[in-house]
Amino acid sequence: MTKNIIEVSNLTTAYKDRIIQSNISFSVRHSEIFGILGGSGSGKSTLLSTMIYLKAPLSGSIKILDKDIWKIDKNKRSVILRHCGVLFQFGALFSSLNVLDNVGIMLEEYSSYPKKIIDEIAEYFLNIVGLPSFVKNMYPYELSGGMKKRVGLARALVFNPKILFLDEPTSGLDPQSAENFDKLILKLRDYFKLTVVMVTHDLDSIKDATDRFILLGEGKILFIGNLDEFKHSNVSNNNLLKSKRGERIWKEE
């Protein structure tokens, strides 16, 4: 059996005074692409924030690499974080830095590499995510939405993480760009042996890129499993099966 790299147990989260998820549990296996799906207000972002140290849970546990991340000493959290890369929804690039420096900034802060080596590493990962070399001298305001996401992805990869967290990676992209981004994630997973946790509302990403996913709603997990299991579950219905790209319906297959 494939070892779990993330284990969420009896987790309860809240936003201000409102309970978002109540006593939910799930696990993520090593080297799988795991989707977190749900409608607006279902708590996808809250759950992600709890998994990457941005928002503490009310109760329950999250184990990453066998460590309960909210119970270990704060000084030890950096060790876990070094194994995790994060791509935020809009790239979260620094507007005052060019692309090369945006990708290399974490290495500037947390490594002793000389600037020349940092630039070489940054260029390598820009190439890995499919950006041409001239982009390195551009600034965020000069980039398209898709290019910003790829720069953010390159930055998330510079420490060779074991786990990659993606927040709505295809939002705002046209259908072809979104499909290409899904293919890139699959390629990166296979090449680097990554585990990927993808928060998304894009049903095509669930169809094309994930191995398993959870569906959040009503403060709980409505479904967990793969696409074929979902199709044959009681949760499946036409409203959930409508695709954003081309309005494909999964059931028609």
Protein backbone atom coordinates (compact mmCIF):
# COMPACT_ATOMS: atom_id res chain seq x y z
CA MET A 1 0.00 0.00 0.00
CA THR A 2 1.23 3.51 -0.84
CA LYS A 3 2.32 5.43 2.24
CA ASN A 4 0.32 8.50 3.23
CA ILE A 5 2.34 11.70 3.12
CA ILE A 6 -0.47 13.84 4.61
CA GLU A 7 -3.04 12.72 7.19
CA VAL A 8 -5.88 14.98 8.28
CA SER A 9 -7.79 13.66 11.30
CA ASN A 10 -10.97 15.00 12.92
CA LEU A 11 -10.19 18.52 11.73
CA THR A 12 -12.46 21.44 12.60
CA THR A 13 -11.82 24.86 11.07
CA ALA A 14 -13.54 28.22 11.41
CA TYR A 15 -13.63 31.67 9.87
CA LYS A 16 -14.34 34.25 12.58
CA ASP A 17 -17.31 32.74 14.47
CA ARG A 18 -18.47 30.41 11.69
CA ILE A 19 -17.52 26.75 11.56
CA ILE A 20 -16.26 25.95 8.07
CA GLN A 21 -15.38 22.26 8.34
CA SER A 22 -16.44 20.05 11.21
CA ASN A 23 -14.52 16.93 12.19
CA ILE A 24 -13.28 15.98 8.71
CA SER A 25 -10.65 13.34 7.97
CA PHE A 26 -8.77 12.33 4.82
CA SER A 27 -5.29 11.31 3.69
CA VAL A 28 -3.05 12.08 0.72
CA ARG A 29 -0.83 9.35 -0.69
CA HIS A 30 2.77 9.75 -1.74
CA SER A 31 3.17 10.94 -5.38
CA GLU A 32 -0.54 11.35 -6.10
CA ILE A 33 -2.32 14.44 -7.34
CA PHE A 34 -5.07 15.09 -4.84
CA GLY A 35 -7.88 17.54 -5.53
CA ILE A 36 -9.89 19.63 -3.08
CA LEU A 37 -13.16 20.55 -4.79
CA GLY A 38 -16.15 22.50 -3.59
CA GLY A 39 -18.45 25.37 -4.33
CA SER A 40 -18.08 28.95 -3.17
CA GLY A 41 -18.09 29.10 0.62
CA SER A 42 -17.30 25.40 1.04
CA GLY A 43 -13.99 26.22 2.74
CA LYS A 44 -11.44 25.13 0.16
CA SER A 45 -9.18 28.09 0.89
CA THR A 46 -9.63 27.76 4.65
CA LEU A 47 -8.59 24.13 4.49
CA LEU A 48 -5.55 24.96 2.38
CA SER A 49 -4.55 27.77 4.76
CA THR A 50 -4.70 25.32 7.64
CA MET A 51 -2.47 22.85 5.77
CA ILE A 52 0.24 25.44 5.02
CA TYR A 53 0.51 27.14 8.42
CA LEU A 54 -1.52 30.24 7.61
CA LYS A 55 -4.52 29.53 9.85
CA ALA A 56 -4.66 27.35 12.95
CA PRO A 57 -7.52 24.83 13.26
CA LEU A 58 -9.98 24.79 16.14
CA SER A 59 -9.28 21.11 16.75
CA GLY A 60 -7.98 17.95 15.13
CA SER A 61 -4.62 17.26 13.55
CA ILE A 62 -2.74 17.56 10.28
CA LYS A 63 0.27 15.31 9.88
CA ILE A 64 2.73 16.04 7.11
CA LEU A 65 5.67 13.64 6.78
CA ASP A 66 4.52 12.04 10.05
CA LYS A 67 4.73 15.33 11.97
CA ASP A 68 1.66 16.94 13.57
CA ILE A 69 2.32 20.37 12.10
CA TRP A 70 0.25 22.40 14.56
CA LYS A 71 1.72 20.69 17.61
CA ILE A 72 5.43 20.68 16.84
CA ASP A 73 7.64 23.48 18.09
CA LYS A 74 7.46 26.62 15.92
CA ASN A 75 11.20 26.46 15.34
CA LYS A 76 10.75 23.04 13.74
CA ARG A 77 8.03 24.17 11.37
CA SER A 78 10.60 25.57 8.97
CA VAL A 79 11.83 22.02 8.40
CA ILE A 80 8.36 20.96 7.26
CA LEU A 81 7.91 24.11 5.18
CA ARG A 82 11.13 23.45 3.31
CA HIS A 83 9.52 20.25 2.02
CA CYS A 84 6.43 22.16 0.79
CA GLY A 85 6.06 24.45 -2.21
CA VAL A 86 3.02 26.69 -2.61
CA LEU A 87 1.54 28.31 -5.70
CA PHE A 88 -0.99 30.95 -4.65
CA GLN A 89 -3.97 31.73 -6.85
CA PHE A 90 -2.61 34.90 -8.45
CA GLY A 91 1.06 34.02 -8.26
CA ALA A 92 1.83 36.38 -5.33
CA LEU A 93 4.78 37.87 -7.17
CA PHE A 94 6.70 40.89 -5.89
CA SER A 95 5.94 43.77 -8.25
CA SER A 96 9.29 45.48 -7.63
CA LEU A 97 11.33 42.41 -8.64
CA ASN A 98 11.89 40.98 -12.08
CA VAL A 99 10.99 37.38 -12.85
CA LEU A 100 14.46 35.98 -12.15
CA ASP A 101 14.62 37.63 -8.73
CA ASN A 102 11.05 36.61 -7.90
CA VAL A 103 11.95 32.96 -8.47
CA GLY A 104 15.24 33.20 -6.60
CA ILE A 105 14.11 35.25 -3.61
CA MET A 106 13.59 32.26 -1.29
CA LEU A 107 17.08 31.00 -2.09
CA GLU A 108 18.41 34.50 -1.36
CA GLU A 109 16.84 34.37 2.09
CA TYR A 110 17.26 30.74 3.10
CA SER A 111 20.43 29.52 1.40
CA SER A 112 24.08 30.48 1.30
CA TYR A 113 24.39 30.12 -2.46
CA PRO A 114 26.11 32.96 -4.31
CA LYS A 115 23.91 35.13 -6.54
CA LYS A 116 25.27 33.54 -9.72
CA ILE A 117 24.19 30.06 -8.59
CA ILE A 118 20.80 31.35 -7.43
CA ASP A 119 20.20 32.90 -10.86
CA GLU A 120 21.19 29.65 -12.57
CA ILE A 121 18.77 27.66 -10.39
CA ALA A 122 16.00 30.18 -11.08
CA GLU A 123 16.61 29.98 -14.83
CA TYR A 124 16.52 26.19 -14.68
CA PHE A 125 13.09 26.16 -13.06
CA LEU A 126 11.75 28.84 -15.38
CA ASN A 127 12.70 26.54 -18.23
CA ILE A 128 11.16 23.54 -16.45
CA VAL A 129 7.77 25.30 -16.23
CA GLY A 130 7.88 26.18 -19.92
CA LEU A 131 8.83 29.85 -19.97
CA PRO A 132 11.26 31.23 -22.59
CA SER A 133 14.55 32.70 -21.39
CA PHE A 134 13.69 36.32 -22.21
CA VAL A 135 10.94 36.29 -19.56
CA LYS A 136 13.55 36.36 -16.77
CA ASN A 137 14.13 40.10 -17.21
CA MET A 138 10.44 41.03 -17.29
CA TYR A 139 8.40 42.40 -14.40
CA PRO A 140 5.05 41.03 -13.15
CA TYR A 141 3.04 43.85 -14.75
CA GLU A 142 4.39 42.75 -18.15
CA LEU A 143 3.21 39.15 -17.76
CA SER A 144 -0.05 37.48 -18.70
CA GLY A 145 -2.03 35.67 -16.02
CA GLY A 146 -0.78 32.31 -17.21
CA MET A 147 2.83 33.46 -17.20
CA LYS A 148 2.47 34.78 -13.64
CA LYS A 149 1.23 31.38 -12.53
CA ARG A 150 4.19 29.66 -14.16
CA VAL A 151 6.63 32.06 -12.50
CA GLY A 152 4.95 31.37 -9.16
CA LEU A 153 5.19 27.67 -9.87
CA ALA A 154 8.92 27.96 -10.65
CA ARG A 155 9.43 29.73 -7.32
CA ALA A 156 7.50 26.99 -5.50
CA LEU A 157 9.88 24.38 -6.95
CA VAL A 158 13.28 25.92 -6.16
CA PHE A 159 13.79 23.98 -2.92
CA ASN A 160 12.84 20.67 -4.58
CA PRO A 161 9.79 20.17 -2.35
CA LYS A 162 8.21 16.81 -1.65
CA ILE A 163 4.71 18.34 -1.61
CA LEU A 164 3.33 21.00 -3.93
CA PHE A 165 0.21 22.93 -2.87
CA LEU A 166 -1.72 24.65 -5.68
CA ASP A 167 -4.45 27.21 -5.02
CA GLU A 168 -6.85 27.44 -8.00
CA PRO A 169 -4.02 26.96 -10.52
CA THR A 170 -6.21 27.24 -13.62
CA SER A 171 -8.53 30.06 -12.51
CA GLY A 172 -8.57 32.96 -14.95
CA LEU A 173 -6.97 30.94 -17.75
CA ASP A 174 -8.53 30.29 -21.13
CA PRO A 175 -9.47 26.65 -21.80
CA GLN A 176 -6.33 25.80 -23.80
CA SER A 177 -4.00 27.43 -21.25
CA ALA A 178 -5.79 25.63 -18.43
CA GLU A 179 -5.41 22.30 -20.20
CA ASN A 180 -1.71 22.97 -20.80
CA PHE A 181 -1.24 23.84 -17.14
CA ASP A 182 -2.84 20.54 -16.10
CA LYS A 183 -0.45 18.70 -18.42
CA LEU A 184 2.48 20.60 -16.88
CA ILE A 185 1.43 19.54 -13.37
CA LEU A 186 1.28 15.91 -14.47
CA LYS A 187 4.72 16.21 -16.04
CA LEU A 188 6.22 17.81 -12.92
CA ARG A 189 4.65 15.17 -10.65
CA ASP A 190 6.19 12.37 -12.68
CA TYR A 191 9.58 14.05 -13.16
CA PHE A 192 10.15 15.17 -9.57
CA LYS A 193 8.05 12.43 -7.87
CA LEU A 194 5.97 15.13 -6.24
CA THR A 195 2.84 14.85 -4.19
CA VAL A 196 0.40 17.54 -5.37
CA VAL A 197 -2.55 18.96 -3.43
CA MET A 198 -4.70 21.05 -5.76
CA VAL A 199 -7.52 23.32 -4.59
CA THR A 200 -9.79 23.89 -7.57
CA HIS A 201 -13.27 24.60 -8.82
CA ASP A 202 -12.26 23.45 -12.31
CA LEU A 203 -13.91 20.11 -13.00
CA ASP A 204 -11.68 19.51 -16.00
CA SER A 205 -8.64 19.60 -13.73
CA ILE A 206 -10.31 16.97 -11.58
CA LYS A 207 -10.98 14.90 -14.70
CA ASP A 208 -7.62 15.37 -16.41
CA ALA A 209 -5.07 15.71 -13.62
CA THR A 210 -6.12 14.25 -10.26
CA ASP A 211 -5.83 10.71 -8.98
CA ARG A 212 -8.35 11.25 -6.18
CA PHE A 213 -10.28 14.19 -4.78
CA ILE A 214 -12.58 15.29 -2.00
CA LEU A 215 -15.77 17.28 -2.47
CA LEU A 216 -16.47 19.74 0.34
CA GLY A 217 -19.92 20.99 1.29
CA GLU A 218 -22.20 21.53 4.26
CA GLY A 219 -19.18 21.65 6.56
CA LYS A 220 -18.12 18.12 5.74
CA ILE A 221 -16.63 15.89 3.09
CA LEU A 222 -19.44 14.85 0.74
CA PHE A 223 -17.23 12.51 -1.30
CA ILE A 224 -13.70 11.14 -1.39
CA GLY A 225 -12.30 8.91 -4.12
CA ASN A 226 -11.49 8.89 -7.82
CA LEU A 227 -13.55 10.08 -10.76
CA ASP A 228 -14.98 6.67 -11.63
CA GLU A 229 -16.11 6.18 -8.04
CA PHE A 230 -17.67 9.63 -8.09
CA LYS A 231 -19.63 8.89 -11.26
CA HIS A 232 -21.26 5.92 -9.56
CA SER A 233 -21.82 7.59 -6.19
CA ASN A 234 -25.03 9.04 -4.78
CA VAL A 235 -23.38 12.48 -4.74
CA SER A 236 -22.99 12.59 -8.52
CA ASN A 237 -25.54 14.72 -10.38
CA ASN A 238 -25.65 16.86 -13.49
CA ASN A 239 -25.04 20.11 -11.66
CA LEU A 240 -21.73 18.79 -10.38
CA LEU A 241 -20.76 17.21 -13.66
CA LYS A 242 -20.90 20.27 -15.89
CA SER A 243 -17.45 21.24 -17.10
CA LYS A 244 -16.19 24.81 -17.31
CA ARG A 245 -14.23 24.05 -20.49
CA GLY A 246 -16.55 23.29 -23.37
CA GLU A 247 -19.45 22.25 -21.12
CA ARG A 248 -18.54 18.56 -21.31
CA ILE A 249 -20.56 16.23 -19.13
CA TRP A 250 -18.63 13.40 -17.48
CA LYS A 251 -21.63 11.09 -17.55
CA GLU A 252 -21.76 11.07 -21.33
CA GLU A 253 -18.59 8.95 -21.32
